[in-house]
C-alpha atoms as a PDB file:
ATOM      1  CA  MET A   1      41.096 -27.041 -24.762  1.00  0.00           C
ATOM      2  CA  SER A   2      43.430 -24.988 -22.603  1.00  0.00           C
ATOM      3  CA  ARG A   3      41.000 -22.041 -22.793  1.00  0.00           C
ATOM      4  CA  ILE A   4      38.197 -24.211 -21.448  1.00  0.00           C
ATOM      5  CA  ILE A   5      40.373 -25.399 -18.562  1.00  0.00           C
ATOM      6  CA  THR A   6      41.471 -21.820 -17.814  1.00  0.00           C
ATOM      7  CA  LEU A   7      37.847 -20.667 -17.863  1.00  0.00           C
ATOM      8  CA  ALA A   8      36.797 -23.495 -15.535  1.00  0.00           C
ATOM      9  CA  ILE A   9      39.591 -22.647 -13.075  1.00  0.00           C
ATOM     10  CA  ALA A  10      38.675 -18.943 -13.184  1.00  0.00           C
ATOM     11  CA  CYS A  11      35.018 -19.758 -12.490  1.00  0.00           C
ATOM     12  CA  ALA A  12      36.008 -22.000  -9.589  1.00  0.00           C
ATOM     13  CA  LEU A  13      38.095 -19.194  -8.076  1.00  0.00           C
ATOM     14  CA  VAL A  14      35.467 -16.474  -8.583  1.00  0.00           C
ATOM     15  CA  ALA A  15      32.396 -18.440  -7.406  1.00  0.00           C
ATOM     16  CA  PRO A  16      33.193 -18.271  -3.664  1.00  0.00           C
ATOM     17  CA  ALA A  17      33.700 -14.512  -3.936  1.00  0.00           C
ATOM     18  CA  LEU A  18      30.191 -14.133  -5.381  1.00  0.00           C
ATOM     19  CA  ALA A  19      28.544 -16.086  -2.551  1.00  0.00           C
ATOM     20  CA  GLN A  20      27.060 -13.831   0.097  1.00  0.00           C
ATOM     21  CA  THR A  21      27.971 -14.154   3.736  1.00  0.00           C
ATOM     22  CA  PRO A  22      25.133 -14.486   6.271  1.00  0.00           C
ATOM     23  CA  ALA A  23      25.661 -10.842   7.277  1.00  0.00           C
ATOM     24  CA  GLN A  24      25.313  -9.742   3.647  1.00  0.00           C
ATOM     25  CA  GLN A  25      22.184 -11.855   3.238  1.00  0.00           C
ATOM     26  CA  ALA A  26      20.806 -10.249   6.412  1.00  0.00           C
ATOM     27  CA  VAL A  27      21.379  -6.784   4.959  1.00  0.00           C
ATOM     28  CA  SER A  28      19.588  -7.877   1.791  1.00  0.00           C
ATOM     29  CA  HIS A  29      16.579  -9.090   3.811  1.00  0.00           C
ATOM     30  CA  TYR A  30      16.598  -5.871   5.832  1.00  0.00           C
ATOM     31  CA  GLN A  31      16.465  -3.844   2.604  1.00  0.00           C
ATOM     32  CA  LYS A  32      13.605  -6.000   1.311  1.00  0.00           C
ATOM     33  CA  GLY A  33      11.803  -5.361   4.599  1.00  0.00           C
ATOM     34  CA  GLN A  34      12.246  -1.620   4.138  1.00  0.00           C
ATOM     35  CA  ALA A  35      10.828  -1.880   0.611  1.00  0.00           C
ATOM     36  CA  ALA A  36       7.843  -3.881   1.893  1.00  0.00           C
ATOM     37  CA  GLU A  37       7.194  -1.206   4.532  1.00  0.00           C
ATOM     38  CA  LYS A  38       7.223   1.520   1.889  1.00  0.00           C
ATOM     39  CA  ALA A  39       4.814  -0.562  -0.204  1.00  0.00           C
ATOM     40  CA  GLY A  40       2.443  -0.761   2.776  1.00  0.00           C
ATOM     41  CA  ASP A  41       2.896  -4.456   3.543  1.00  0.00           C
ATOM     42  CA  PRO A  42       3.831  -4.824   7.227  1.00  0.00           C
ATOM     43  CA  SER A  43       3.545  -8.628   7.255  1.00  0.00           C
ATOM     44  CA  ALA A  44       6.072  -9.036   4.423  1.00  0.00           C
ATOM     45  CA  ALA A  45       8.333  -6.495   6.120  1.00  0.00           C
ATOM     46  CA  LYS A  46       8.202  -8.463   9.371  1.00  0.00           C
ATOM     47  CA  GLU A  47       9.094 -11.695   7.544  1.00  0.00           C
ATOM     48  CA  HIS A  48      12.170 -10.079   5.987  1.00  0.00           C
ATOM     49  CA  TYR A  49      13.293  -8.465   9.256  1.00  0.00           C
ATOM     50  CA  THR A  50      12.867 -11.791  11.070  1.00  0.00           C
ATOM     51  CA  GLN A  51      14.892 -13.573   8.394  1.00  0.00           C
ATOM     52  CA  ALA A  52      17.590 -10.896   8.694  1.00  0.00           C
ATOM     53  CA  LEU A  53      17.801 -11.525  12.446  1.00  0.00           C
ATOM     54  CA  LYS A  54      18.026 -15.294  11.933  1.00  0.00           C
ATOM     55  CA  LEU A  55      20.969 -14.754   9.598  1.00  0.00           C
ATOM     56  CA  ASP A  56      22.607 -12.064  11.742  1.00  0.00           C
ATOM     57  CA  PRO A  57      21.276 -11.791  15.317  1.00  0.00           C
ATOM     58  CA  SER A  58      23.387  -8.655  15.859  1.00  0.00           C
ATOM     59  CA  ASN A  59      21.638  -6.712  13.058  1.00  0.00           C
ATOM     60  CA  ALA A  60      20.426  -3.713  15.058  1.00  0.00           C
ATOM     61  CA  ASP A  61      18.546  -2.168  12.125  1.00  0.00           C
ATOM     62  CA  ALA A  62      16.354  -5.249  11.670  1.00  0.00           C
ATOM     63  CA  ARG A  63      15.737  -5.510  15.427  1.00  0.00           C
ATOM     64  CA  PHE A  64      14.735  -1.826  15.620  1.00  0.00           C
ATOM     65  CA  SER A  65      12.499  -2.127  12.550  1.00  0.00           C
ATOM     66  CA  ILE A  66      10.601  -5.086  14.030  1.00  0.00           C
ATOM     67  CA  GLY A  67       9.944  -2.995  17.127  1.00  0.00           C
ATOM     68  CA  GLN A  68       8.740  -0.086  15.008  1.00  0.00           C
ATOM     69  CA  LEU A  69       6.457  -2.432  13.062  1.00  0.00           C
ATOM     70  CA  LYS A  70       4.749  -3.476  16.292  1.00  0.00           C
ATOM     71  CA  LEU A  71       3.956   0.182  16.937  1.00  0.00           C
ATOM     72  CA  ASN A  72       3.147   1.296  13.384  1.00  0.00           C
ATOM     73  CA  SER A  73       1.851  -1.697  11.420  1.00  0.00           C
ATOM     74  CA  ALA A  74      -1.718  -0.340  11.255  1.00  0.00           C
ATOM     75  CA  THR A  75      -0.476   2.997   9.907  1.00  0.00           C
ATOM     76  CA  ILE A  76       1.767   1.272   7.372  1.00  0.00           C
ATOM     77  CA  ALA A  77      -1.115  -0.928   6.196  1.00  0.00           C
ATOM     78  CA  ALA A  78      -3.379   2.132   5.921  1.00  0.00           C
ATOM     79  CA  LYS A  79      -0.813   3.949   3.777  1.00  0.00           C
ATOM     80  CA  GLY A  80      -0.530   0.867   1.569  1.00  0.00           C
ATOM     81  CA  ARG A  81      -4.306   0.740   1.230  1.00  0.00           C
ATOM     82  CA  GLU A  82      -4.359   4.440   0.343  1.00  0.00           C
ATOM     83  CA  ALA A  83      -1.636   3.990  -2.291  1.00  0.00           C
ATOM     84  CA  LYS A  84      -3.416   1.028  -3.904  1.00  0.00           C
ATOM     85  CA  PHE A  85      -6.714   2.921  -3.932  1.00  0.00           C
ATOM     86  CA  GLY A  86      -5.060   6.018  -5.392  1.00  0.00           C
ATOM     87  CA  ALA A  87      -3.356   4.021  -8.134  1.00  0.00           C
ATOM     88  CA  VAL A  88      -6.681   2.952  -9.660  1.00  0.00           C
ATOM     89  CA  VAL A  89      -7.711   5.219 -12.538  1.00  0.00           C
ATOM     90  CA  VAL A  90     -11.434   5.863 -12.886  1.00  0.00           C
ATOM     91  CA  PRO A  91     -12.220   6.287 -16.618  1.00  0.00           C
ATOM     92  CA  THR A  92     -15.498   8.198 -16.131  1.00  0.00           C
ATOM     93  CA  PHE A  93     -17.483   9.189 -13.075  1.00  0.00           C
ATOM     94  CA  GLN A  94     -20.814  10.930 -13.577  1.00  0.00           C
ATOM     95  CA  LEU A  95     -23.461  11.604 -10.949  1.00  0.00           C
ATOM     96  CA  GLU A  96     -26.426  13.956 -10.804  1.00  0.00           C
ATOM     97  CA  GLU A  97     -28.062  14.794  -7.458  1.00  0.00           C
ATOM     98  CA  ALA A  98     -26.708  11.675  -5.721  1.00  0.00           C
ATOM     99  CA  THR A  99     -26.354  11.201  -1.982  1.00  0.00           C
ATOM    100  CA  LEU A 100     -22.959  10.477  -0.451  1.00  0.00           C
ATOM    101  CA  PRO A 101     -23.734   6.763   0.138  1.00  0.00           C
ATOM    102  CA  GLU A 102     -24.869   6.440  -3.494  1.00  0.00           C
ATOM    103  CA  ALA A 103     -21.719   8.174  -4.731  1.00  0.00           C
ATOM    104  CA  LEU A 104     -19.466   5.984  -2.588  1.00  0.00           C
ATOM    105  CA  ALA A 105     -21.253   2.830  -3.760  1.00  0.00           C
ATOM    106  CA  ALA A 106     -20.746   3.878  -7.387  1.00  0.00           C
ATOM    107  CA  LEU A 107     -17.074   4.699  -6.782  1.00  0.00           C
ATOM    108  CA  SER A 108     -16.537   1.403  -4.985  1.00  0.00           C
ATOM    109  CA  LYS A 109     -18.022  -0.572  -7.870  1.00  0.00           C
ATOM    110  CA  ILE A 110     -15.872   1.258 -10.449  1.00  0.00           C
ATOM    111  CA  VAL A 111     -12.680   0.855  -8.396  1.00  0.00           C
ATOM    112  CA  GLU A 112     -13.293  -2.876  -7.993  1.00  0.00           C
ATOM    113  CA  LYS A 113     -13.946  -3.266 -11.724  1.00  0.00           C
ATOM    114  CA  GLU A 114     -10.965  -1.180 -12.866  1.00  0.00           C
ATOM    115  CA  SER A 115      -8.570  -2.907 -10.455  1.00  0.00           C
ATOM    116  CA  LYS A 116      -9.838  -6.328 -11.527  1.00  0.00           C
ATOM    117  CA  GLU A 117     -11.099  -6.819  -7.951  1.00  0.00           C
ATOM    118  CA  GLU A 118      -7.637  -6.312  -6.419  1.00  0.00           C
ATOM    119  CA  VAL A 119      -8.865  -3.183  -4.626  1.00  0.00           C
ATOM    120  CA  ALA A 120     -12.215  -3.378  -2.836  1.00  0.00           C
ATOM    121  CA  PRO A 121     -12.692  -0.223  -0.778  1.00  0.00           C
ATOM    122  CA  ASN A 122     -14.742  -0.399   2.403  1.00  0.00           C
ATOM    123  CA  PHE A 123     -16.327   2.993   2.969  1.00  0.00           C
ATOM    124  CA  VAL A 124     -17.561   3.984   6.425  1.00  0.00           C
ATOM    125  CA  ILE A 125     -19.419   7.252   6.944  1.00  0.00           C
ATOM    126  CA  GLU A 126     -19.021   8.800  10.401  1.00  0.00           C
ATOM    127  CA  ASP A 127     -21.774  11.406  10.600  1.00  0.00           C
ATOM    128  CA  PRO A 128     -23.369  11.327  14.077  1.00  0.00           C
ATOM    129  CA  LYS A 129     -25.229  14.630  13.551  1.00  0.00           C
ATOM    130  CA  ASN A 130     -26.528  13.697  10.054  1.00  0.00           C
ATOM    131  CA  VAL A 131     -24.805  16.704   8.511  1.00  0.00           C
ATOM    132  CA  LEU A 132     -24.033  14.784   5.308  1.00  0.00           C
ATOM    133  CA  ALA A 133     -27.395  13.026   4.910  1.00  0.00           C
ATOM    134  CA  ASP A 134     -29.192  15.678   2.844  1.00  0.00           C
ATOM    135  CA  LYS A 135     -26.300  16.888   0.719  1.00  0.00           C
ATOM    136  CA  LYS A 136     -26.418  16.075  -2.998  1.00  0.00           C
ATOM    137  CA  ILE A 137     -23.499  15.456  -5.321  1.00  0.00           C
ATOM    138  CA  SER A 138     -23.350  16.335  -9.012  1.00  0.00           C
ATOM    139  CA  ILE A 139     -20.068  15.550 -10.686  1.00  0.00           C
ATOM    140  CA  ASN A 140     -18.621  14.680 -14.103  1.00  0.00           C
ATOM    141  CA  LEU A 141     -15.003  13.468 -14.126  1.00  0.00           C
ATOM    142  CA  LYS A 142     -12.860  11.578 -16.632  1.00  0.00           C
ATOM    143  CA  SER A 143      -9.579   9.679 -16.314  1.00  0.00           C
ATOM    144  CA  MET A 144      -8.862  10.492 -12.688  1.00  0.00           C
ATOM    145  CA  PRO A 145      -7.210   8.528  -9.905  1.00  0.00           C
ATOM    146  CA  ALA A 146      -9.780   7.136  -7.475  1.00  0.00           C
ATOM    147  CA  LYS A 147      -8.286   9.190  -4.655  1.00  0.00           C
ATOM    148  CA  GLY A 148      -8.904  12.367  -6.667  1.00  0.00           C
ATOM    149  CA  VAL A 149     -12.512  11.377  -7.343  1.00  0.00           C
ATOM    150  CA  LEU A 150     -13.004  10.714  -3.632  1.00  0.00           C
ATOM    151  CA  LYS A 151     -11.548  14.119  -2.769  1.00  0.00           C
ATOM    152  CA  TYR A 152     -14.004  15.877  -5.088  1.00  0.00           C
ATOM    153  CA  LEU A 153     -16.899  13.906  -3.593  1.00  0.00           C
ATOM    154  CA  THR A 154     -15.966  14.764  -0.030  1.00  0.00           C
ATOM    155  CA  ASP A 155     -15.272  18.407  -0.904  1.00  0.00           C
ATOM    156  CA  GLN A 156     -18.780  18.757  -2.351  1.00  0.00           C
ATOM    157  CA  VAL A 157     -20.447  17.558   0.845  1.00  0.00           C
ATOM    158  CA  GLY A 158     -18.046  19.169   3.316  1.00  0.00           C
ATOM    159  CA  ALA A 159     -16.376  16.023   4.604  1.00  0.00           C
ATOM    160  CA  LYS A 160     -12.847  14.732   4.984  1.00  0.00           C
ATOM    161  CA  THR A 161     -11.314  11.327   4.354  1.00  0.00           C
ATOM    162  CA  ARG A 162      -9.212   9.130   6.618  1.00  0.00           C
ATOM    163  CA  PHE A 163      -7.623   5.892   5.426  1.00  0.00           C
ATOM    164  CA  ASP A 164      -7.660   3.331   8.229  1.00  0.00           C
ATOM    165  CA  GLU A 165      -6.166  -0.149   8.165  1.00  0.00           C
ATOM    166  CA  HIS A 166      -9.353  -1.821   6.903  1.00  0.00           C
ATOM    167  CA  ALA A 167     -11.604   0.991   5.698  1.00  0.00           C
ATOM    168  CA  VAL A 168     -11.828   4.417   4.143  1.00  0.00           C
ATOM    169  CA  VAL A 169     -13.612   6.591   6.688  1.00  0.00           C
ATOM    170  CA  ILE A 170     -15.592   9.657   5.601  1.00  0.00           C
ATOM    171  CA  VAL A 171     -15.997  12.149   8.452  1.00  0.00           C
ATOM    172  CA  ALA A 172     -18.176  15.258   8.515  1.00  0.00           C
ATOM    173  CA  LYS A 173     -16.069  18.407   8.995  1.00  0.00           C
END
């Protein structure tokens, strides 16, 4: 019985030490905001930075990061989109004499299927001089990340890729 009482007293004394102060909670939210930024989720990052400032209005790191988000949220979202797209593994990708739009449509369908519709790439082709229109693609790839497949497609037609906030843009070189 005395052990139980001793344990209860010890728990009562230790519990307040384990509780975080508002400043510590603010630091935790700031760190979660940083992680959300790295994951390419600017809206989640902003929520965490805002929560950090509510808990500790003098948290300069959170205040600075919110300002940076206003400037860079589109870039952060684009990097997140690129990472999600690149994480999808394409089991097989075979084309013979396909045009770039046909190849991108096939890649889009495979990426959607393999990601269980979590990743739905929007491809936009910027080719004002129709340089890419007549080029044909023949390719046979297995077990490659979608970003790698896209690189091989664009290399074959002489184009480059840019990941924007809402689309993957293919630009003639």
